[in-house]
Amino acid sequence: KASQIREAHGLARELRIPLVSNQPQYSMLWRV
């Protein structure tokens, strides 16, 4: 979820590692 990505990204910055991607389902029919 967006909130989980945000929290993890903040920790990643503190730990000096690059969190750079999310792998979601996405298509014309699935746009969540």
ModelCIF file with pLDDT and N, C-alpha, C, O atoms, coordinates in Angstrom:
data_MODEL
#
_entry.id   MODEL 
#
_entity.id                         1 
_entity.type                       polymer 
_entity.pdbx_number_of_molecules   1 
#
_entity_poly.entity_id                      1 
_entity_poly.type                           'polypeptide(L)' 
_entity_poly.nstd_linkage                   no 
_entity_poly.nstd_monomer                   no 
_entity_poly.pdbx_seq_one_letter_code       KASQIREAHGLARELRIPLVSNQPQYSMLWRV 
_entity_poly.pdbx_seq_one_letter_code_can   KASQIREAHGLARELRIPLVSNQPQYSMLWRV 
_entity_poly.pdbx_strand_id                 A 
#
loop_
_entity_poly_seq.entity_id 
_entity_poly_seq.num 
_entity_poly_seq.mon_id 
_entity_poly_seq.hetero 
1 1  LYS n 
1 2  ALA n 
1 3  SER n 
1 4  GLN n 
1 5  ILE n 
1 6  ARG n 
1 7  GLU n 
1 8  ALA n 
1 9  HIS n 
1 10 GLY n 
1 11 LEU n 
1 12 ALA n 
1 13 ARG n 
1 14 GLU n 
1 15 LEU n 
1 16 ARG n 
1 17 ILE n 
1 18 PRO n 
1 19 LEU n 
1 20 VAL n 
1 21 SER n 
1 22 ASN n 
1 23 GLN n 
1 24 PRO n 
1 25 GLN n 
1 26 TYR n 
1 27 SER n 
1 28 MET n 
1 29 LEU n 
1 30 TRP n 
1 31 ARG n 
1 32 VAL n 
#
_struct_asym.id          A 
_struct_asym.entity_id   1 
#
loop_
_ma_qa_metric.id 
_ma_qa_metric.mode 
_ma_qa_metric.name 
_ma_qa_metric.software_group_id 
_ma_qa_metric.type 
1 global pLDDT . pLDDT 
2 local  pLDDT . pLDDT 
#
_ma_qa_metric_global.metric_id      1 
_ma_qa_metric_global.metric_value   97.72 
_ma_qa_metric_global.model_id       1 
_ma_qa_metric_global.ordinal_id     1 
#
loop_
_ma_qa_metric_local.label_asym_id 
_ma_qa_metric_local.label_comp_id 
_ma_qa_metric_local.label_seq_id 
_ma_qa_metric_local.metric_id 
_ma_qa_metric_local.metric_value 
_ma_qa_metric_local.model_id 
_ma_qa_metric_local.ordinal_id 
A LYS 1  2 98.00 1 1  
A ALA 2  2 98.00 1 2  
A SER 3  2 98.00 1 3  
A GLN 4  2 98.00 1 4  
A ILE 5  2 98.00 1 5  
A ARG 6  2 98.00 1 6  
A GLU 7  2 98.00 1 7  
A ALA 8  2 98.00 1 8  
A HIS 9  2 98.00 1 9  
A GLY 10 2 98.00 1 10 
A LEU 11 2 98.00 1 11 
A ALA 12 2 98.00 1 12 
A ARG 13 2 97.00 1 13 
A GLU 14 2 98.00 1 14 
A LEU 15 2 98.00 1 15 
A ARG 16 2 97.00 1 16 
A ILE 17 2 98.00 1 17 
A PRO 18 2 97.00 1 18 
A LEU 19 2 98.00 1 19 
A VAL 20 2 98.00 1 20 
A SER 21 2 98.00 1 21 
A ASN 22 2 98.00 1 22 
A GLN 23 2 98.00 1 23 
A PRO 24 2 98.00 1 24 
A GLN 25 2 97.00 1 25 
A TYR 26 2 98.00 1 26 
A SER 27 2 97.00 1 27 
A MET 28 2 97.00 1 28 
A LEU 29 2 97.00 1 29 
A TRP 30 2 97.00 1 30 
A ARG 31 2 97.00 1 31 
A VAL 32 2 98.00 1 32 
#
loop_
_atom_site.group_PDB 
_atom_site.id 
_atom_site.type_symbol 
_atom_site.label_atom_id 
_atom_site.label_alt_id 
_atom_site.label_comp_id 
_atom_site.label_asym_id 
_atom_site.label_entity_id 
_atom_site.label_seq_id 
_atom_site.pdbx_PDB_ins_code 
_atom_site.Cartn_x 
_atom_site.Cartn_y 
_atom_site.Cartn_z 
_atom_site.occupancy 
_atom_site.B_iso_or_equiv 
_atom_site.pdbx_formal_charge 
_atom_site.auth_seq_id 
_atom_site.auth_comp_id 
_atom_site.auth_asym_id 
_atom_site.auth_atom_id 
_atom_site.pdbx_PDB_model_num 
ATOM 1   N N  . LYS A 1 1  ? 0.838  -1.191 0.000   1.00 98.00 ? 1  LYS A N  1 
ATOM 2   C CA . LYS A 1 1  ? 0.000  0.000  0.000   1.00 98.00 ? 1  LYS A CA 1 
ATOM 3   C C  . LYS A 1 1  ? 0.879  1.250  0.000   1.00 98.00 ? 1  LYS A C  1 
ATOM 4   O O  . LYS A 1 1  ? 2.065  1.187  0.324   1.00 98.00 ? 1  LYS A O  1 
ATOM 5   N N  . ALA A 1 2  ? 0.286  2.382  -0.365  1.00 98.00 ? 2  ALA A N  1 
ATOM 6   C CA . ALA A 1 2  ? 1.043  3.635  -0.431  1.00 98.00 ? 2  ALA A CA 1 
ATOM 7   C C  . ALA A 1 2  ? 1.673  3.978  0.908   1.00 98.00 ? 2  ALA A C  1 
ATOM 8   O O  . ALA A 1 2  ? 2.832  4.388  0.960   1.00 98.00 ? 2  ALA A O  1 
ATOM 9   N N  . SER A 1 3  ? 0.919  3.815  1.997   1.00 98.00 ? 3  SER A N  1 
ATOM 10  C CA . SER A 1 3  ? 1.451  4.155  3.316   1.00 98.00 ? 3  SER A CA 1 
ATOM 11  C C  . SER A 1 3  ? 2.622  3.257  3.693   1.00 98.00 ? 3  SER A C  1 
ATOM 12  O O  . SER A 1 3  ? 3.562  3.708  4.347   1.00 98.00 ? 3  SER A O  1 
ATOM 13  N N  . GLN A 1 4  ? 2.575  2.000  3.289   1.00 98.00 ? 4  GLN A N  1 
ATOM 14  C CA . GLN A 1 4  ? 3.660  1.065  3.587   1.00 98.00 ? 4  GLN A CA 1 
ATOM 15  C C  . GLN A 1 4  ? 4.904  1.408  2.775   1.00 98.00 ? 4  GLN A C  1 
ATOM 16  O O  . GLN A 1 4  ? 6.023  1.332  3.282   1.00 98.00 ? 4  GLN A O  1 
ATOM 17  N N  . ILE A 1 5  ? 4.705  1.783  1.526   1.00 98.00 ? 5  ILE A N  1 
ATOM 18  C CA . ILE A 1 5  ? 5.833  2.195  0.689   1.00 98.00 ? 5  ILE A CA 1 
ATOM 19  C C  . ILE A 1 5  ? 6.501  3.427  1.288   1.00 98.00 ? 5  ILE A C  1 
ATOM 20  O O  . ILE A 1 5  ? 7.728  3.513  1.347   1.00 98.00 ? 5  ILE A O  1 
ATOM 21  N N  . ARG A 1 6  ? 5.688  4.374  1.728   1.00 98.00 ? 6  ARG A N  1 
ATOM 22  C CA . ARG A 1 6  ? 6.245  5.613  2.300   1.00 98.00 ? 6  ARG A CA 1 
ATOM 23  C C  . ARG A 1 6  ? 7.079  5.324  3.547   1.00 98.00 ? 6  ARG A C  1 
ATOM 24  O O  . ARG A 1 6  ? 8.183  5.848  3.694   1.00 98.00 ? 6  ARG A O  1 
ATOM 25  N N  . GLU A 1 7  ? 6.550  4.487  4.447   1.00 98.00 ? 7  GLU A N  1 
ATOM 26  C CA . GLU A 1 7  ? 7.282  4.189  5.677   1.00 98.00 ? 7  GLU A CA 1 
ATOM 27  C C  . GLU A 1 7  ? 8.574  3.437  5.374   1.00 98.00 ? 7  GLU A C  1 
ATOM 28  O O  . GLU A 1 7  ? 9.620  3.736  5.950   1.00 98.00 ? 7  GLU A O  1 
ATOM 29  N N  . ALA A 1 8  ? 8.501  2.465  4.473   1.00 98.00 ? 8  ALA A N  1 
ATOM 30  C CA . ALA A 1 8  ? 9.701  1.702  4.128   1.00 98.00 ? 8  ALA A CA 1 
ATOM 31  C C  . ALA A 1 8  ? 10.730 2.586  3.443   1.00 98.00 ? 8  ALA A C  1 
ATOM 32  O O  . ALA A 1 8  ? 11.928 2.442  3.683   1.00 98.00 ? 8  ALA A O  1 
ATOM 33  N N  . HIS A 1 9  ? 10.278 3.493  2.599   1.00 98.00 ? 9  HIS A N  1 
ATOM 34  C CA . HIS A 1 9  ? 11.197 4.384  1.898   1.00 98.00 ? 9  HIS A CA 1 
ATOM 35  C C  . HIS A 1 9  ? 11.947 5.280  2.880   1.00 98.00 ? 9  HIS A C  1 
ATOM 36  O O  . HIS A 1 9  ? 13.136 5.542  2.700   1.00 98.00 ? 9  HIS A O  1 
ATOM 37  N N  . GLY A 1 10 ? 11.247 5.756  3.929   1.00 98.00 ? 10 GLY A N  1 
ATOM 38  C CA . GLY A 1 10 ? 11.911 6.569  4.942   1.00 98.00 ? 10 GLY A CA 1 
ATOM 39  C C  . GLY A 1 10 ? 12.987 5.793  5.680   1.00 98.00 ? 10 GLY A C  1 
ATOM 40  O O  . GLY A 1 10 ? 14.076 6.312  5.928   1.00 98.00 ? 10 GLY A O  1 
ATOM 41  N N  . LEU A 1 11 ? 12.678 4.533  6.033   1.00 98.00 ? 11 LEU A N  1 
ATOM 42  C CA . LEU A 1 11 ? 13.677 3.702  6.703   1.00 98.00 ? 11 LEU A CA 1 
ATOM 43  C C  . LEU A 1 11 ? 14.846 3.396  5.773   1.00 98.00 ? 11 LEU A C  1 
ATOM 44  O O  . LEU A 1 11 ? 15.997 3.367  6.207   1.00 98.00 ? 11 LEU A O  1 
ATOM 45  N N  . ALA A 1 12 ? 14.554 3.170  4.500   1.00 98.00 ? 12 ALA A N  1 
ATOM 46  C CA . ALA A 1 12 ? 15.616 2.873  3.539   1.00 98.00 ? 12 ALA A CA 1 
ATOM 47  C C  . ALA A 1 12 ? 16.593 4.037  3.428   1.00 98.00 ? 12 ALA A C  1 
ATOM 48  O O  . ALA A 1 12 ? 17.802 3.828  3.325   1.00 98.00 ? 12 ALA A O  1 
ATOM 49  N N  . ARG A 1 13 ? 16.080 5.245  3.449   1.00 97.00 ? 13 ARG A N  1 
ATOM 50  C CA . ARG A 1 13 ? 16.960 6.418  3.390   1.00 97.00 ? 13 ARG A CA 1 
ATOM 51  C C  . ARG A 1 13 ? 17.859 6.479  4.620   1.00 97.00 ? 13 ARG A C  1 
ATOM 52  O O  . ARG A 1 13 ? 19.047 6.786  4.516   1.00 97.00 ? 13 ARG A O  1 
ATOM 53  N N  . GLU A 1 14 ? 17.280 6.181  5.795   1.00 98.00 ? 14 GLU A N  1 
ATOM 54  C CA . GLU A 1 14 ? 18.079 6.189  7.015   1.00 98.00 ? 14 GLU A CA 1 
ATOM 55  C C  . GLU A 1 14 ? 19.171 5.124  6.968   1.00 98.00 ? 14 GLU A C  1 
ATOM 56  O O  . GLU A 1 14 ? 20.272 5.329  7.480   1.00 98.00 ? 14 GLU A O  1 
ATOM 57  N N  . LEU A 1 15 ? 18.861 3.992  6.353   1.00 98.00 ? 15 LEU A N  1 
ATOM 58  C CA . LEU A 1 15 ? 19.789 2.866  6.281   1.00 98.00 ? 15 LEU A CA 1 
ATOM 59  C C  . LEU A 1 15 ? 20.721 2.950  5.072   1.00 98.00 ? 15 LEU A C  1 
ATOM 60  O O  . LEU A 1 15 ? 21.592 2.100  4.886   1.00 98.00 ? 15 LEU A O  1 
ATOM 61  N N  . ARG A 1 16 ? 20.525 3.988  4.251   1.00 97.00 ? 16 ARG A N  1 
ATOM 62  C CA . ARG A 1 16 ? 21.378 4.247  3.088   1.00 97.00 ? 16 ARG A CA 1 
ATOM 63  C C  . ARG A 1 16 ? 21.323 3.092  2.085   1.00 97.00 ? 16 ARG A C  1 
ATOM 64  O O  . ARG A 1 16 ? 22.345 2.598  1.609   1.00 97.00 ? 16 ARG A O  1 
ATOM 65  N N  . ILE A 1 17 ? 20.086 2.684  1.786   1.00 98.00 ? 17 ILE A N  1 
ATOM 66  C CA . ILE A 1 17 ? 19.871 1.693  0.724   1.00 98.00 ? 17 ILE A CA 1 
ATOM 67  C C  . ILE A 1 17 ? 18.807 2.219  -0.231  1.00 98.00 ? 17 ILE A C  1 
ATOM 68  O O  . ILE A 1 17 ? 17.908 2.947  0.191   1.00 98.00 ? 17 ILE A O  1 
ATOM 69  N N  . PRO A 1 18 ? 18.894 1.862  -1.510  1.00 97.00 ? 18 PRO A N  1 
ATOM 70  C CA . PRO A 1 18 ? 17.965 2.405  -2.502  1.00 97.00 ? 18 PRO A CA 1 
ATOM 71  C C  . PRO A 1 18 ? 16.718 1.528  -2.672  1.00 97.00 ? 18 PRO A C  1 
ATOM 72  O O  . PRO A 1 18 ? 16.776 0.462  -3.285  1.00 97.00 ? 18 PRO A O  1 
ATOM 73  N N  . LEU A 1 19 ? 15.584 1.995  -2.117  1.00 98.00 ? 19 LEU A N  1 
ATOM 74  C CA . LEU A 1 19 ? 14.293 1.354  -2.374  1.00 98.00 ? 19 LEU A CA 1 
ATOM 75  C C  . LEU A 1 19 ? 13.693 2.060  -3.581  1.00 98.00 ? 19 LEU A C  1 
ATOM 76  O O  . LEU A 1 19 ? 13.279 3.215  -3.480  1.00 98.00 ? 19 LEU A O  1 
ATOM 77  N N  . VAL A 1 20 ? 13.643 1.381  -4.718  1.00 98.00 ? 20 VAL A N  1 
ATOM 78  C CA . VAL A 1 20 ? 13.396 2.086  -5.971  1.00 98.00 ? 20 VAL A CA 1 
ATOM 79  C C  . VAL A 1 20 ? 12.169 1.603  -6.736  1.00 98.00 ? 20 VAL A C  1 
ATOM 80  O O  . VAL A 1 20 ? 11.805 2.197  -7.751  1.00 98.00 ? 20 VAL A O  1 
ATOM 81  N N  . SER A 1 21 ? 11.512 0.508  -6.254  1.00 98.00 ? 21 SER A N  1 
ATOM 82  C CA . SER A 1 21 ? 10.458 -0.049 -7.098  1.00 98.00 ? 21 SER A CA 1 
ATOM 83  C C  . SER A 1 21 ? 9.337  -0.694 -6.296  1.00 98.00 ? 21 SER A C  1 
ATOM 84  O O  . SER A 1 21 ? 9.497  -1.070 -5.135  1.00 98.00 ? 21 SER A O  1 
ATOM 85  N N  . ASN A 1 22 ? 8.185  -0.808 -6.973  1.00 98.00 ? 22 ASN A N  1 
ATOM 86  C CA . ASN A 1 22 ? 7.038  -1.565 -6.500  1.00 98.00 ? 22 ASN A CA 1 
ATOM 87  C C  . ASN A 1 22 ? 6.583  -2.436 -7.660  1.00 98.00 ? 22 ASN A C  1 
ATOM 88  O O  . ASN A 1 22 ? 6.629  -2.018 -8.817  1.00 98.00 ? 22 ASN A O  1 
ATOM 89  N N  . GLN A 1 23 ? 6.141  -3.655 -7.344  1.00 98.00 ? 23 GLN A N  1 
ATOM 90  C CA . GLN A 1 23 ? 5.664  -4.547 -8.408  1.00 98.00 ? 23 GLN A CA 1 
ATOM 91  C C  . GLN A 1 23 ? 4.194  -4.883 -8.165  1.00 98.00 ? 23 GLN A C  1 
ATOM 92  O O  . GLN A 1 23 ? 3.878  -5.824 -7.436  1.00 98.00 ? 23 GLN A O  1 
ATOM 93  N N  . PRO A 1 24 ? 3.301  -4.110 -8.779  1.00 98.00 ? 24 PRO A N  1 
ATOM 94  C CA . PRO A 1 24 ? 1.877  -4.339 -8.604  1.00 98.00 ? 24 PRO A CA 1 
ATOM 95  C C  . PRO A 1 24 ? 1.237  -4.946 -9.855  1.00 98.00 ? 24 PRO A C  1 
ATOM 96  O O  . PRO A 1 24 ? 1.799  -4.900 -10.949 1.00 98.00 ? 24 PRO A O  1 
ATOM 97  N N  . GLN A 1 25 ? 0.065  -5.507 -9.661  1.00 97.00 ? 25 GLN A N  1 
ATOM 98  C CA . GLN A 1 25 ? -0.760 -5.866 -10.814 1.00 97.00 ? 25 GLN A CA 1 
ATOM 99  C C  . GLN A 1 25 ? -1.297 -4.571 -11.422 1.00 97.00 ? 25 GLN A C  1 
ATOM 100 O O  . GLN A 1 25 ? -1.707 -3.667 -10.694 1.00 97.00 ? 25 GLN A O  1 
ATOM 101 N N  . TYR A 1 26 ? -1.297 -4.478 -12.749 1.00 98.00 ? 26 TYR A N  1 
ATOM 102 C CA . TYR A 1 26 ? -1.777 -3.267 -13.411 1.00 98.00 ? 26 TYR A CA 1 
ATOM 103 C C  . TYR A 1 26 ? -2.160 -3.603 -14.837 1.00 98.00 ? 26 TYR A C  1 
ATOM 104 O O  . TYR A 1 26 ? -1.389 -4.224 -15.569 1.00 98.00 ? 26 TYR A O  1 
ATOM 105 N N  . SER A 1 27 ? -3.344 -3.193 -15.224 1.00 97.00 ? 27 SER A N  1 
ATOM 106 C CA . SER A 1 27 ? -3.812 -3.385 -16.602 1.00 97.00 ? 27 SER A CA 1 
ATOM 107 C C  . SER A 1 27 ? -4.983 -2.444 -16.846 1.00 97.00 ? 27 SER A C  1 
ATOM 108 O O  . SER A 1 27 ? -5.411 -1.729 -15.939 1.00 97.00 ? 27 SER A O  1 
ATOM 109 N N  . MET A 1 28 ? -5.499 -2.443 -18.065 1.00 97.00 ? 28 MET A N  1 
ATOM 110 C CA . MET A 1 28 ? -6.700 -1.659 -18.366 1.00 97.00 ? 28 MET A CA 1 
ATOM 111 C C  . MET A 1 28 ? -7.847 -1.994 -17.417 1.00 97.00 ? 28 MET A C  1 
ATOM 112 O O  . MET A 1 28 ? -8.675 -1.140 -17.098 1.00 97.00 ? 28 MET A O  1 
ATOM 113 N N  . LEU A 1 29 ? -7.884 -3.251 -16.971 1.00 97.00 ? 29 LEU A N  1 
ATOM 114 C CA . LEU A 1 29 ? -8.990 -3.720 -16.137 1.00 97.00 ? 29 LEU A CA 1 
ATOM 115 C C  . LEU A 1 29 ? -8.705 -3.613 -14.650 1.00 97.00 ? 29 LEU A C  1 
ATOM 116 O O  . LEU A 1 29 ? -9.636 -3.638 -13.846 1.00 97.00 ? 29 LEU A O  1 
ATOM 117 N N  . TRP A 1 30 ? -7.433 -3.494 -14.262 1.00 97.00 ? 30 TRP A N  1 
ATOM 118 C CA . TRP A 1 30 ? -7.035 -3.482 -12.848 1.00 97.00 ? 30 TRP A CA 1 
ATOM 119 C C  . TRP A 1 30 ? -6.179 -2.253 -12.603 1.00 97.00 ? 30 TRP A C  1 
ATOM 120 O O  . TRP A 1 30 ? -4.974 -2.259 -12.858 1.00 97.00 ? 30 TRP A O  1 
ATOM 121 N N  . ARG A 1 31 ? -6.819 -1.185 -12.100 1.00 97.00 ? 31 ARG A N  1 
ATOM 122 C CA . ARG A 1 31 ? -6.159 0.113  -12.001 1.00 97.00 ? 31 ARG A CA 1 
ATOM 123 C C  . ARG A 1 31 ? -6.131 0.607  -10.550 1.00 97.00 ? 31 ARG A C  1 
ATOM 124 O O  . ARG A 1 31 ? -6.196 1.811  -10.300 1.00 97.00 ? 31 ARG A O  1 
ATOM 125 N N  . VAL A 1 32 ? -6.037 -0.313 -9.611  1.00 98.00 ? 32 VAL A N  1 
ATOM 126 C CA . VAL A 1 32 ? -6.151 0.045  -8.196  1.00 98.00 ? 32 VAL A CA 1 
ATOM 127 C C  . VAL A 1 32 ? -4.974 0.874  -7.701  1.00 98.00 ? 32 VAL A C  1 
ATOM 128 O O  . VAL A 1 32 ? -4.933 1.250  -6.530  1.00 98.00 ? 32 VAL A O  1 
#
